[in-house]
Amino acid sequence: MFSDTVFPLFKGCETSIRDDQRHDANILTNFVALYNALAKIERRRGGRAYDQSADEIETFWREELKVKEGTPPRRRKRLSRKSTIDEPAHSPNQSDGTETQKSEQTGDHTN
């Protein structure tokens, strides 16, 4: 998922980004804004994937080293601090549509 790349990339480079911004306040402002927006969504949904540890960042970069030209992208392993950004947000009382799909497949329309 998109946020799985943004979070460790930002956290791993944050010190360098902040140093560069001291010299030029406009540098990487869109990337910082993207991180902040995704982190806000993550916090609102109760996730903590935006707050990467040094070990998690290192694991991210080790996985990146395995990527070879011409190979299809792989799904990243989910962190123990599960990111919720890419999951649909709905309340426990809200239908996810599976009842309708099941009844259409079986012909059972008793719902």
PDB file of N, CA and C in Angstrom:
ATOM      1  N   MET A   1       0.820  -1.166   0.000  1.00  0.00           N
ATOM      2  CA  MET A   1       0.000   0.000   0.000  1.00  0.00           C
ATOM      3  C   MET A   1       0.877   1.247   0.000  1.00  0.00           C
ATOM      4  N   PHE A   2       0.328   2.315  -0.499  1.00  0.00           N
ATOM      5  CA  PHE A   2       1.092   3.544  -0.680  1.00  0.00           C
ATOM      6  C   PHE A   2       1.710   4.042   0.622  1.00  0.00           C
ATOM      7  N   SER A   3       0.944   4.051   1.684  1.00  0.00           N
ATOM      8  CA  SER A   3       1.446   4.554   2.964  1.00  0.00           C
ATOM      9  C   SER A   3       2.565   3.683   3.524  1.00  0.00           C
ATOM     10  N   ASP A   4       2.606   2.407   3.146  1.00  0.00           N
ATOM     11  CA  ASP A   4       3.664   1.516   3.625  1.00  0.00           C
ATOM     12  C   ASP A   4       5.037   1.961   3.141  1.00  0.00           C
ATOM     13  N   THR A   5       5.085   2.718   2.060  1.00  0.00           N
ATOM     14  CA  THR A   5       6.347   3.249   1.552  1.00  0.00           C
ATOM     15  C   THR A   5       6.616   4.643   2.106  1.00  0.00           C
ATOM     16  N   VAL A   6       5.605   5.469   2.188  1.00  0.00           N
ATOM     17  CA  VAL A   6       5.781   6.852   2.634  1.00  0.00           C
ATOM     18  C   VAL A   6       6.259   6.914   4.084  1.00  0.00           C
ATOM     19  N   PHE A   7       5.660   6.138   4.966  1.00  0.00           N
ATOM     20  CA  PHE A   7       5.999   6.235   6.387  1.00  0.00           C
ATOM     21  C   PHE A   7       7.471   5.934   6.676  1.00  0.00           C
ATOM     22  N   PRO A   8       8.000   4.784   6.267  1.00  0.00           N
ATOM     23  CA  PRO A   8       9.411   4.535   6.586  1.00  0.00           C
ATOM     24  C   PRO A   8      10.368   5.439   5.807  1.00  0.00           C
ATOM     25  N   LEU A   9       9.979   5.836   4.605  1.00  0.00           N
ATOM     26  CA  LEU A   9      10.830   6.724   3.823  1.00  0.00           C
ATOM     27  C   LEU A   9      10.968   8.071   4.531  1.00  0.00           C
ATOM     28  N   PHE A  10       9.854   8.622   4.987  1.00  0.00           N
ATOM     29  CA  PHE A  10       9.901   9.903   5.688  1.00  0.00           C
ATOM     30  C   PHE A  10      10.648   9.774   7.008  1.00  0.00           C
ATOM     31  N   LYS A  11      10.280   8.784   7.823  1.00  0.00           N
ATOM     32  CA  LYS A  11      10.910   8.652   9.142  1.00  0.00           C
ATOM     33  C   LYS A  11      12.407   8.379   9.022  1.00  0.00           C
ATOM     34  N   GLY A  12      12.807   7.614   8.024  1.00  0.00           N
ATOM     35  CA  GLY A  12      14.216   7.316   7.840  1.00  0.00           C
ATOM     36  C   GLY A  12      15.024   8.518   7.383  1.00  0.00           C
ATOM     37  N   CYS A  13      14.376   9.458   6.712  1.00  0.00           N
ATOM     38  CA  CYS A  13      15.062  10.632   6.155  1.00  0.00           C
ATOM     39  C   CYS A  13      14.679  11.931   6.872  1.00  0.00           C
ATOM     40  N   GLU A  14      13.914  11.832   7.927  1.00  0.00           N
ATOM     41  CA  GLU A  14      13.364  13.029   8.562  1.00  0.00           C
ATOM     42  C   GLU A  14      14.448  14.015   9.010  1.00  0.00           C
ATOM     43  N   THR A  15      15.502  13.535   9.616  1.00  0.00           N
ATOM     44  CA  THR A  15      16.564  14.427  10.082  1.00  0.00           C
ATOM     45  C   THR A  15      17.180  15.175   8.911  1.00  0.00           C
ATOM     46  N   SER A  16      17.453  14.465   7.842  1.00  0.00           N
ATOM     47  CA  SER A  16      18.028  15.085   6.651  1.00  0.00           C
ATOM     48  C   SER A  16      17.053  16.091   6.021  1.00  0.00           C
ATOM     49  N   ILE A  17      15.789  15.721   5.977  1.00  0.00           N
ATOM     50  CA  ILE A  17      14.768  16.619   5.425  1.00  0.00           C
ATOM     51  C   ILE A  17      14.701  17.905   6.242  1.00  0.00           C
ATOM     52  N   ARG A  18      14.660  17.766   7.555  1.00  0.00           N
ATOM     53  CA  ARG A  18      14.571  18.954   8.436  1.00  0.00           C
ATOM     54  C   ARG A  18      15.820  19.822   8.307  1.00  0.00           C
ATOM     55  N   ASP A  19      17.002  19.202   8.196  1.00  0.00           N
ATOM     56  CA  ASP A  19      18.243  19.964   7.995  1.00  0.00           C
ATOM     57  C   ASP A  19      18.183  20.752   6.692  1.00  0.00           C
ATOM     58  N   ASP A  20      17.742  20.092   5.624  1.00  0.00           N
ATOM     59  CA  ASP A  20      17.632  20.770   4.328  1.00  0.00           C
ATOM     60  C   ASP A  20      16.625  21.916   4.379  1.00  0.00           C
ATOM     61  N   GLN A  21      15.558  21.734   5.136  1.00  0.00           N
ATOM     62  CA  GLN A  21      14.531  22.770   5.218  1.00  0.00           C
ATOM     63  C   GLN A  21      15.013  23.996   5.997  1.00  0.00           C
ATOM     64  N   ARG A  22      16.015  23.823   6.843  1.00  0.00           N
ATOM     65  CA  ARG A  22      16.583  24.982   7.539  1.00  0.00           C
ATOM     66  C   ARG A  22      17.286  25.915   6.546  1.00  0.00           C
ATOM     67  N   HIS A  23      17.814  25.348   5.466  1.00  0.00           N
ATOM     68  CA  HIS A  23      18.498  26.132   4.439  1.00  0.00           C
ATOM     69  C   HIS A  23      17.527  26.626   3.374  1.00  0.00           C
ATOM     70  N   ASP A  24      16.502  25.855   3.102  1.00  0.00           N
ATOM     71  CA  ASP A  24      15.498  26.222   2.096  1.00  0.00           C
ATOM     72  C   ASP A  24      14.149  25.687   2.583  1.00  0.00           C
ATOM     73  N   ALA A  25      13.345  26.587   3.106  1.00  0.00           N
ATOM     74  CA  ALA A  25      12.076  26.189   3.726  1.00  0.00           C
ATOM     75  C   ALA A  25      11.120  25.501   2.770  1.00  0.00           C
ATOM     76  N   ASN A  26      11.329  25.676   1.475  1.00  0.00           N
ATOM     77  CA  ASN A  26      10.407  25.094   0.490  1.00  0.00           C
ATOM     78  C   ASN A  26      10.785  23.691   0.042  1.00  0.00           C
ATOM     79  N   ILE A  27      11.951  23.225   0.422  1.00  0.00           N
ATOM     80  CA  ILE A  27      12.401  21.916  -0.062  1.00  0.00           C
ATOM     81  C   ILE A  27      11.563  20.796   0.555  1.00  0.00           C
ATOM     82  N   LEU A  28      11.109  19.904  -0.273  1.00  0.00           N
ATOM     83  CA  LEU A  28      10.338  18.711   0.113  1.00  0.00           C
ATOM     84  C   LEU A  28       9.059  19.021   0.886  1.00  0.00           C
ATOM     85  N   THR A  29       8.510  20.218   0.732  1.00  0.00           N
ATOM     86  CA  THR A  29       7.293  20.566   1.475  1.00  0.00           C
ATOM     87  C   THR A  29       6.110  19.696   1.071  1.00  0.00           C
ATOM     88  N   ASN A  30       6.034  19.313  -0.202  1.00  0.00           N
ATOM     89  CA  ASN A  30       4.918  18.454  -0.623  1.00  0.00           C
ATOM     90  C   ASN A  30       5.033  17.061  -0.007  1.00  0.00           C
ATOM     91  N   PHE A  31       6.243  16.538   0.074  1.00  0.00           N
ATOM     92  CA  PHE A  31       6.433  15.216   0.679  1.00  0.00           C
ATOM     93  C   PHE A  31       6.106  15.254   2.174  1.00  0.00           C
ATOM     94  N   VAL A  32       6.545  16.301   2.859  1.00  0.00           N
ATOM     95  CA  VAL A  32       6.238  16.447   4.286  1.00  0.00           C
ATOM     96  C   VAL A  32       4.729  16.579   4.477  1.00  0.00           C
ATOM     97  N   ALA A  33       4.073  17.345   3.607  1.00  0.00           N
ATOM     98  CA  ALA A  33       2.619  17.502   3.693  1.00  0.00           C
ATOM     99  C   ALA A  33       1.919  16.167   3.448  1.00  0.00           C
ATOM    100  N   LEU A  34       2.423  15.374   2.503  1.00  0.00           N
ATOM    101  CA  LEU A  34       1.855  14.055   2.234  1.00  0.00           C
ATOM    102  C   LEU A  34       1.983  13.160   3.465  1.00  0.00           C
ATOM    103  N   TYR A  35       3.191  13.121   4.048  1.00  0.00           N
ATOM    104  CA  TYR A  35       3.394  12.321   5.262  1.00  0.00           C
ATOM    105  C   TYR A  35       2.430  12.770   6.363  1.00  0.00           C
ATOM    106  N   ASN A  36       2.346  14.079   6.593  1.00  0.00           N
ATOM    107  CA  ASN A  36       1.470  14.590   7.658  1.00  0.00           C
ATOM    108  C   ASN A  36       0.011  14.229   7.409  1.00  0.00           C
ATOM    109  N   ALA A  37      -0.434  14.312   6.163  1.00  0.00           N
ATOM    110  CA  ALA A  37      -1.823  13.972   5.845  1.00  0.00           C
ATOM    111  C   ALA A  37      -2.090  12.486   6.074  1.00  0.00           C
ATOM    112  N   LEU A  38      -1.166  11.628   5.618  1.00  0.00           N
ATOM    113  CA  LEU A  38      -1.340  10.182   5.819  1.00  0.00           C
ATOM    114  C   LEU A  38      -1.258   9.819   7.301  1.00  0.00           C
ATOM    115  N   ALA A  39      -0.352  10.470   8.034  1.00  0.00           N
ATOM    116  CA  ALA A  39      -0.223  10.202   9.472  1.00  0.00           C
ATOM    117  C   ALA A  39      -1.492  10.624  10.214  1.00  0.00           C
ATOM    118  N   LYS A  40      -2.087  11.730   9.800  1.00  0.00           N
ATOM    119  CA  LYS A  40      -3.334  12.197  10.423  1.00  0.00           C
ATOM    120  C   LYS A  40      -4.454  11.169  10.218  1.00  0.00           C
ATOM    121  N   ILE A  41      -4.551  10.645   9.008  1.00  0.00           N
ATOM    122  CA  ILE A  41      -5.556   9.611   8.728  1.00  0.00           C
ATOM    123  C   ILE A  41      -5.269   8.378   9.563  1.00  0.00           C
ATOM    124  N   GLU A  42      -4.004   7.991   9.634  1.00  0.00           N
ATOM    125  CA  GLU A  42      -3.606   6.807  10.406  1.00  0.00           C
ATOM    126  C   GLU A  42      -3.964   6.970  11.879  1.00  0.00           C
ATOM    127  N   ARG A  43      -3.667   8.126  12.452  1.00  0.00           N
ATOM    128  CA  ARG A  43      -4.001   8.378  13.859  1.00  0.00           C
ATOM    129  C   ARG A  43      -5.507   8.348  14.072  1.00  0.00           C
ATOM    130  N   ARG A  44      -6.250   8.970  13.157  1.00  0.00           N
ATOM    131  CA  ARG A  44      -7.709   9.020  13.280  1.00  0.00           C
ATOM    132  C   ARG A  44      -8.309   7.621  13.267  1.00  0.00           C
ATOM    133  N   ARG A  45      -7.687   6.708  12.531  1.00  0.00           N
ATOM    134  CA  ARG A  45      -8.190   5.330  12.443  1.00  0.00           C
ATOM    135  C   ARG A  45      -7.569   4.407  13.479  1.00  0.00           C
ATOM    136  N   GLY A  46      -6.765   4.961  14.360  1.00  0.00           N
ATOM    137  CA  GLY A  46      -6.212   4.167  15.460  1.00  0.00           C
ATOM    138  C   GLY A  46      -4.960   3.386  15.109  1.00  0.00           C
ATOM    139  N   GLY A  47      -4.369   3.639  13.960  1.00  0.00           N
ATOM    140  CA  GLY A  47      -3.140   2.939  13.569  1.00  0.00           C
ATOM    141  C   GLY A  47      -1.907   3.637  14.096  1.00  0.00           C
ATOM    142  N   ARG A  48      -0.765   2.950  14.031  1.00  0.00           N
ATOM    143  CA  ARG A  48       0.484   3.534  14.494  1.00  0.00           C
ATOM    144  C   ARG A  48       1.624   3.302  13.502  1.00  0.00           C
ATOM    145  N   ALA A  49       1.321   2.905  12.287  1.00  0.00           N
ATOM    146  CA  ALA A  49       2.361   2.598  11.304  1.00  0.00           C
ATOM    147  C   ALA A  49       3.165   3.825  10.901  1.00  0.00           C
ATOM    148  N   TYR A  50       2.639   5.022  11.140  1.00  0.00           N
ATOM    149  CA  TYR A  50       3.361   6.245  10.797  1.00  0.00           C
ATOM    150  C   TYR A  50       4.573   6.465  11.693  1.00  0.00           C
ATOM    151  N   ASP A  51       4.628   5.780  12.814  1.00  0.00           N
ATOM    152  CA  ASP A  51       5.693   5.964  13.798  1.00  0.00           C
ATOM    153  C   ASP A  51       6.641   4.768  13.736  1.00  0.00           C
ATOM    154  N   GLN A  52       7.543   4.772  12.768  1.00  0.00           N
ATOM    155  CA  GLN A  52       8.434   3.648  12.505  1.00  0.00           C
ATOM    156  C   GLN A  52       9.622   3.640  13.466  1.00  0.00           C
ATOM    157  N   SER A  53       9.987   2.456  13.930  1.00  0.00           N
ATOM    158  CA  SER A  53      11.202   2.309  14.736  1.00  0.00           C
ATOM    159  C   SER A  53      12.401   2.193  13.804  1.00  0.00           C
ATOM    160  N   ALA A  54      13.595   2.329  14.360  1.00  0.00           N
ATOM    161  CA  ALA A  54      14.816   2.194  13.558  1.00  0.00           C
ATOM    162  C   ALA A  54      14.897   0.809  12.926  1.00  0.00           C
ATOM    163  N   ASP A  55      14.487  -0.229  13.652  1.00  0.00           N
ATOM    164  CA  ASP A  55      14.508  -1.598  13.102  1.00  0.00           C
ATOM    165  C   ASP A  55      13.535  -1.747  11.938  1.00  0.00           C
ATOM    166  N   GLU A  56      12.363  -1.153  12.062  1.00  0.00           N
ATOM    167  CA  GLU A  56      11.369  -1.231  10.988  1.00  0.00           C
ATOM    168  C   GLU A  56      11.841  -0.485   9.743  1.00  0.00           C
ATOM    169  N   ILE A  57      12.509   0.636   9.949  1.00  0.00           N
ATOM    170  CA  ILE A  57      13.041   1.395   8.817  1.00  0.00           C
ATOM    171  C   ILE A  57      14.148   0.595   8.135  1.00  0.00           C
ATOM    172  N   GLU A  58      15.007  -0.021   8.920  1.00  0.00           N
ATOM    173  CA  GLU A  58      16.078  -0.843   8.349  1.00  0.00           C
ATOM    174  C   GLU A  58      15.500  -2.019   7.561  1.00  0.00           C
ATOM    175  N   THR A  59      14.477  -2.655   8.087  1.00  0.00           N
ATOM    176  CA  THR A  59      13.816  -3.758   7.380  1.00  0.00           C
ATOM    177  C   THR A  59      13.233  -3.270   6.054  1.00  0.00           C
ATOM    178  N   PHE A  60      12.621  -2.097   6.068  1.00  0.00           N
ATOM    179  CA  PHE A  60      12.080  -1.512   4.841  1.00  0.00           C
ATOM    180  C   PHE A  60      13.170  -1.386   3.785  1.00  0.00           C
ATOM    181  N   TRP A  61      14.320  -0.816   4.141  1.00  0.00           N
ATOM    182  CA  TRP A  61      15.399  -0.612   3.173  1.00  0.00           C
ATOM    183  C   TRP A  61      16.011  -1.931   2.721  1.00  0.00           C
ATOM    184  N   ARG A  62      16.094  -2.907   3.609  1.00  0.00           N
ATOM    185  CA  ARG A  62      16.603  -4.224   3.196  1.00  0.00           C
ATOM    186  C   ARG A  62      15.669  -4.856   2.154  1.00  0.00           C
ATOM    187  N   GLU A  63      14.372  -4.712   2.337  1.00  0.00           N
ATOM    188  CA  GLU A  63      13.403  -5.219   1.363  1.00  0.00           C
ATOM    189  C   GLU A  63      13.524  -4.463   0.040  1.00  0.00           C
ATOM    190  N   GLU A  64      13.773  -3.165   0.107  1.00  0.00           N
ATOM    191  CA  GLU A  64      13.934  -2.365  -1.107  1.00  0.00           C
ATOM    192  C   GLU A  64      15.140  -2.832  -1.913  1.00  0.00           C
ATOM    193  N   LEU A  65      16.191  -3.268  -1.227  1.00  0.00           N
ATOM    194  CA  LEU A  65      17.392  -3.745  -1.922  1.00  0.00           C
ATOM    195  C   LEU A  65      17.124  -5.004  -2.740  1.00  0.00           C
ATOM    196  N   LYS A  66      16.102  -5.736  -2.391  1.00  0.00           N
ATOM    197  CA  LYS A  66      15.767  -6.980  -3.095  1.00  0.00           C
ATOM    198  C   LYS A  66      15.017  -6.733  -4.410  1.00  0.00           C
ATOM    199  N   VAL A  67      14.527  -5.519  -4.614  1.00  0.00           N
ATOM    200  CA  VAL A  67      13.758  -5.207  -5.814  1.00  0.00           C
ATOM    201  C   VAL A  67      14.700  -5.153  -7.008  1.00  0.00           C
ATOM    202  N   LYS A  68      14.344  -5.864  -8.053  1.00  0.00           N
ATOM    203  CA  LYS A  68      15.141  -5.909  -9.282  1.00  0.00           C
ATOM    204  C   LYS A  68      14.338  -5.309 -10.425  1.00  0.00           C
ATOM    205  N   GLU A  69      15.036  -4.747 -11.388  1.00  0.00           N
ATOM    206  CA  GLU A  69      14.391  -4.148 -12.546  1.00  0.00           C
ATOM    207  C   GLU A  69      13.578  -5.202 -13.307  1.00  0.00           C
ATOM    208  N   GLY A  70      12.373  -4.834 -13.671  1.00  0.00           N
ATOM    209  CA  GLY A  70      11.529  -5.716 -14.470  1.00  0.00           C
ATOM    210  C   GLY A  70      10.693  -6.697 -13.669  1.00  0.00           C
ATOM    211  N   THR A  71      10.875  -6.740 -12.363  1.00  0.00           N
ATOM    212  CA  THR A  71      10.053  -7.645 -11.556  1.00  0.00           C
ATOM    213  C   THR A  71       8.825  -6.891 -11.061  1.00  0.00           C
ATOM    214  N   PRO A  72       7.701  -7.566 -10.984  1.00  0.00           N
ATOM    215  CA  PRO A  72       6.491  -6.887 -10.509  1.00  0.00           C
ATOM    216  C   PRO A  72       6.634  -6.532  -9.026  1.00  0.00           C
ATOM    217  N   PRO A  73       5.992  -5.469  -8.605  1.00  0.00           N
ATOM    218  CA  PRO A  73       6.068  -5.093  -7.192  1.00  0.00           C
ATOM    219  C   PRO A  73       5.430  -6.158  -6.311  1.00  0.00           C
ATOM    220  N   ARG A  74       6.009  -6.343  -5.147  1.00  0.00           N
ATOM    221  CA  ARG A  74       5.471  -7.301  -4.179  1.00  0.00           C
ATOM    222  C   ARG A  74       4.707  -6.542  -3.111  1.00  0.00           C
ATOM    223  N   ARG A  75       3.755  -7.228  -2.524  1.00  0.00           N
ATOM    224  CA  ARG A  75       3.087  -6.635  -1.364  1.00  0.00           C
ATOM    225  C   ARG A  75       4.049  -6.672  -0.205  1.00  0.00           C
ATOM    226  N   ARG A  76       4.150  -5.581   0.484  1.00  0.00           N
ATOM    227  CA  ARG A  76       5.032  -5.513   1.648  1.00  0.00           C
ATOM    228  C   ARG A  76       4.419  -6.282   2.804  1.00  0.00           C
ATOM    229  N   LYS A  77       5.305  -6.809   3.627  1.00  0.00           N
ATOM    230  CA  LYS A  77       4.835  -7.448   4.852  1.00  0.00           C
ATOM    231  C   LYS A  77       4.289  -6.357   5.752  1.00  0.00           C
ATOM    232  N   ARG A  78       3.172  -6.641   6.365  1.00  0.00           N
ATOM    233  CA  ARG A  78       2.569  -5.667   7.264  1.00  0.00           C
ATOM    234  C   ARG A  78       3.351  -5.623   8.558  1.00  0.00           C
ATOM    235  N   LEU A  79       3.499  -4.427   9.087  1.00  0.00           N
ATOM    236  CA  LEU A  79       4.176  -4.256  10.360  1.00  0.00           C
ATOM    237  C   LEU A  79       3.265  -4.700  11.488  1.00  0.00           C
ATOM    238  N   SER A  80       3.880  -4.943  12.622  1.00  0.00           N
ATOM    239  CA  SER A  80       3.071  -5.293  13.781  1.00  0.00           C
ATOM    240  C   SER A  80       2.148  -4.139  14.139  1.00  0.00           C
ATOM    241  N   ARG A  81       2.578  -2.933  13.835  1.00  0.00           N
ATOM    242  CA  ARG A  81       1.716  -1.768  14.029  1.00  0.00           C
ATOM    243  C   ARG A  81       0.964  -1.555  12.737  1.00  0.00           C
ATOM    244  N   LYS A  82      -0.064  -2.286  12.553  1.00  0.00           N
ATOM    245  CA  LYS A  82      -0.809  -2.349  11.300  1.00  0.00           C
ATOM    246  C   LYS A  82      -1.272  -0.973  10.829  1.00  0.00           C
ATOM    247  N   SER A  83      -1.013  -0.705   9.577  1.00  0.00           N
ATOM    248  CA  SER A  83      -1.497   0.521   8.968  1.00  0.00           C
ATOM    249  C   SER A  83      -2.946   0.319   8.574  1.00  0.00           C
ATOM    250  N   THR A  84      -3.776   1.304   8.858  1.00  0.00           N
ATOM    251  CA  THR A  84      -5.199   1.189   8.564  1.00  0.00           C
ATOM    252  C   THR A  84      -5.620   2.089   7.418  1.00  0.00           C
ATOM    253  N   ILE A  85      -4.710   2.848   6.870  1.00  0.00           N
ATOM    254  CA  ILE A  85      -5.074   3.833   5.851  1.00  0.00           C
ATOM    255  C   ILE A  85      -5.726   3.195   4.650  1.00  0.00           C
ATOM    256  N   ASP A  86      -5.214   2.064   4.218  1.00  0.00           N
ATOM    257  CA  ASP A  86      -5.695   1.473   2.987  1.00  0.00           C
ATOM    258  C   ASP A  86      -6.874   0.539   3.184  1.00  0.00           C
ATOM    259  N   GLU A  87      -7.372   0.447   4.403  1.00  0.00           N
ATOM    260  CA  GLU A  87      -8.531  -0.393   4.678  1.00  0.00           C
ATOM    261  C   GLU A  87      -9.775   0.469   4.660  1.00  0.00           C
ATOM    262  N   PRO A  88     -10.900  -0.072   4.217  1.00  0.00           N
ATOM    263  CA  PRO A  88     -12.130   0.726   4.200  1.00  0.00           C
ATOM    264  C   PRO A  88     -12.565   1.076   5.614  1.00  0.00           C
ATOM    265  N   ALA A  89     -13.008   2.295   5.768  1.00  0.00           N
ATOM    266  CA  ALA A  89     -13.471   2.740   7.087  1.00  0.00           C
ATOM    267  C   ALA A  89     -14.984   2.627   7.137  1.00  0.00           C
ATOM    268  N   HIS A  90     -15.494   1.742   7.990  1.00  0.00           N
ATOM    269  CA  HIS A  90     -16.925   1.682   8.211  1.00  0.00           C
ATOM    270  C   HIS A  90     -17.171   1.180   9.621  1.00  0.00           C
ATOM    271  N   SER A  91     -18.309   1.545  10.142  1.00  0.00           N
ATOM    272  CA  SER A  91     -18.630   1.184  11.512  1.00  0.00           C
ATOM    273  C   SER A  91     -19.047  -0.284  11.578  1.00  0.00           C
ATOM    274  N   PRO A  92     -18.973  -0.883  12.787  1.00  0.00           N
ATOM    275  CA  PRO A  92     -19.369  -2.289  12.920  1.00  0.00           C
ATOM    276  C   PRO A  92     -20.815  -2.546  12.518  1.00  0.00           C
ATOM    277  N   ASN A  93     -21.653  -1.529  12.598  1.00  0.00           N
ATOM    278  CA  ASN A  93     -23.058  -1.700  12.244  1.00  0.00           C
ATOM    279  C   ASN A  93     -23.315  -1.498  10.761  1.00  0.00           C
ATOM    280  N   GLN A  94     -22.308  -1.021  10.040  1.00  0.00           N
ATOM    281  CA  GLN A  94     -22.482  -0.760   8.614  1.00  0.00           C
ATOM    282  C   GLN A  94     -22.217  -2.024   7.821  1.00  0.00           C
ATOM    283  N   SER A  95     -23.071  -2.313   6.882  1.00  0.00           N
ATOM    284  CA  SER A  95     -22.904  -3.484   6.041  1.00  0.00           C
ATOM    285  C   SER A  95     -21.737  -3.280   5.099  1.00  0.00           C
ATOM    286  N   ASP A  96     -20.977  -4.335   4.878  1.00  0.00           N
ATOM    287  CA  ASP A  96     -19.880  -4.242   3.916  1.00  0.00           C
ATOM    288  C   ASP A  96     -20.307  -4.736   2.543  1.00  0.00           C
ATOM    289  N   GLY A  97     -21.586  -5.038   2.387  1.00  0.00           N
ATOM    290  CA  GLY A  97     -22.103  -5.460   1.097  1.00  0.00           C
ATOM    291  C   GLY A  97     -22.018  -6.952   0.857  1.00  0.00           C
ATOM    292  N   THR A  98     -21.435  -7.715   1.793  1.00  0.00           N
ATOM    293  CA  THR A  98     -21.279  -9.143   1.559  1.00  0.00           C
ATOM    294  C   THR A  98     -22.611  -9.863   1.612  1.00  0.00           C
ATOM    295  N   GLU A  99     -23.564  -9.343   2.399  1.00  0.00           N
ATOM    296  CA  GLU A  99     -24.864  -9.998   2.458  1.00  0.00           C
ATOM    297  C   GLU A  99     -25.537  -9.941   1.087  1.00  0.00           C
ATOM    298  N   THR A 100     -25.451  -8.766   0.440  1.00  0.00           N
ATOM    299  CA  THR A 100     -26.050  -8.600  -0.882  1.00  0.00           C
ATOM    300  C   THR A 100     -25.353  -9.500  -1.892  1.00  0.00           C
ATOM    301  N   GLN A 101     -24.017  -9.536  -1.842  1.00  0.00           N
ATOM    302  CA  GLN A 101     -23.274 -10.364  -2.769  1.00  0.00           C
ATOM    303  C   GLN A 101     -23.621 -11.838  -2.584  1.00  0.00           C
ATOM    304  N   LYS A 102     -23.724 -12.284  -1.335  1.00  0.00           N
ATOM    305  CA  LYS A 102     -24.048 -13.688  -1.062  1.00  0.00           C
ATOM    306  C   LYS A 102     -25.437 -14.029  -1.573  1.00  0.00           C
ATOM    307  N   SER A 103     -26.404 -13.119  -1.331  1.00  0.00           N
ATOM    308  CA  SER A 103     -27.765 -13.424  -1.752  1.00  0.00           C
ATOM    309  C   SER A 103     -27.866 -13.427  -3.281  1.00  0.00           C
ATOM    310  N   GLU A 104     -27.081 -12.571  -3.944  1.00  0.00           N
ATOM    311  CA  GLU A 104     -27.106 -12.569  -5.409  1.00  0.00           C
ATOM    312  C   GLU A 104     -26.510 -13.854  -5.970  1.00  0.00           C
ATOM    313  N   GLN A 105     -25.479 -14.373  -5.309  1.00  0.00           N
ATOM    314  CA  GLN A 105     -24.831 -15.587  -5.784  1.00  0.00           C
ATOM    315  C   GLN A 105     -25.705 -16.816  -5.557  1.00  0.00           C
ATOM    316  N   THR A 106     -26.409 -16.860  -4.432  1.00  0.00           N
ATOM    317  CA  THR A 106     -27.191 -18.040  -4.096  1.00  0.00           C
ATOM    318  C   THR A 106     -28.646 -17.936  -4.537  1.00  0.00           C
ATOM    319  N   GLY A 107     -29.061 -16.706  -4.896  1.00  0.00           N
ATOM    320  CA  GLY A 107     -30.450 -16.513  -5.266  1.00  0.00           C
ATOM    321  C   GLY A 107     -31.338 -16.336  -4.047  1.00  0.00           C
ATOM    322  N   ASP A 108     -30.762 -16.295  -2.862  1.00  0.00           N
ATOM    323  CA  ASP A 108     -31.515 -16.112  -1.616  1.00  0.00           C
ATOM    324  C   ASP A 108     -31.691 -14.626  -1.375  1.00  0.00           C
ATOM    325  N   HIS A 109     -32.909 -14.141  -1.461  1.00  0.00           N
ATOM    326  CA  HIS A 109     -33.185 -12.712  -1.279  1.00  0.00           C
ATOM    327  C   HIS A 109     -34.070 -12.489  -0.053  1.00  0.00           C
ATOM    328  N   THR A 110     -33.785 -13.210   1.041  1.00  0.00           N
ATOM    329  CA  THR A 110     -34.606 -13.107   2.250  1.00  0.00           C
ATOM    330  C   THR A 110     -34.095 -12.033   3.175  1.00  0.00           C
ATOM    331  N   ASN A 111     -32.985 -11.365   2.877  1.00  0.00           N
ATOM    332  CA  ASN A 111     -32.413 -10.346   3.778  1.00  0.00           C
ATOM    333  C   ASN A 111     -33.295  -9.137   3.839  1.00  0.00           C
TER     334      ASN A 111
END
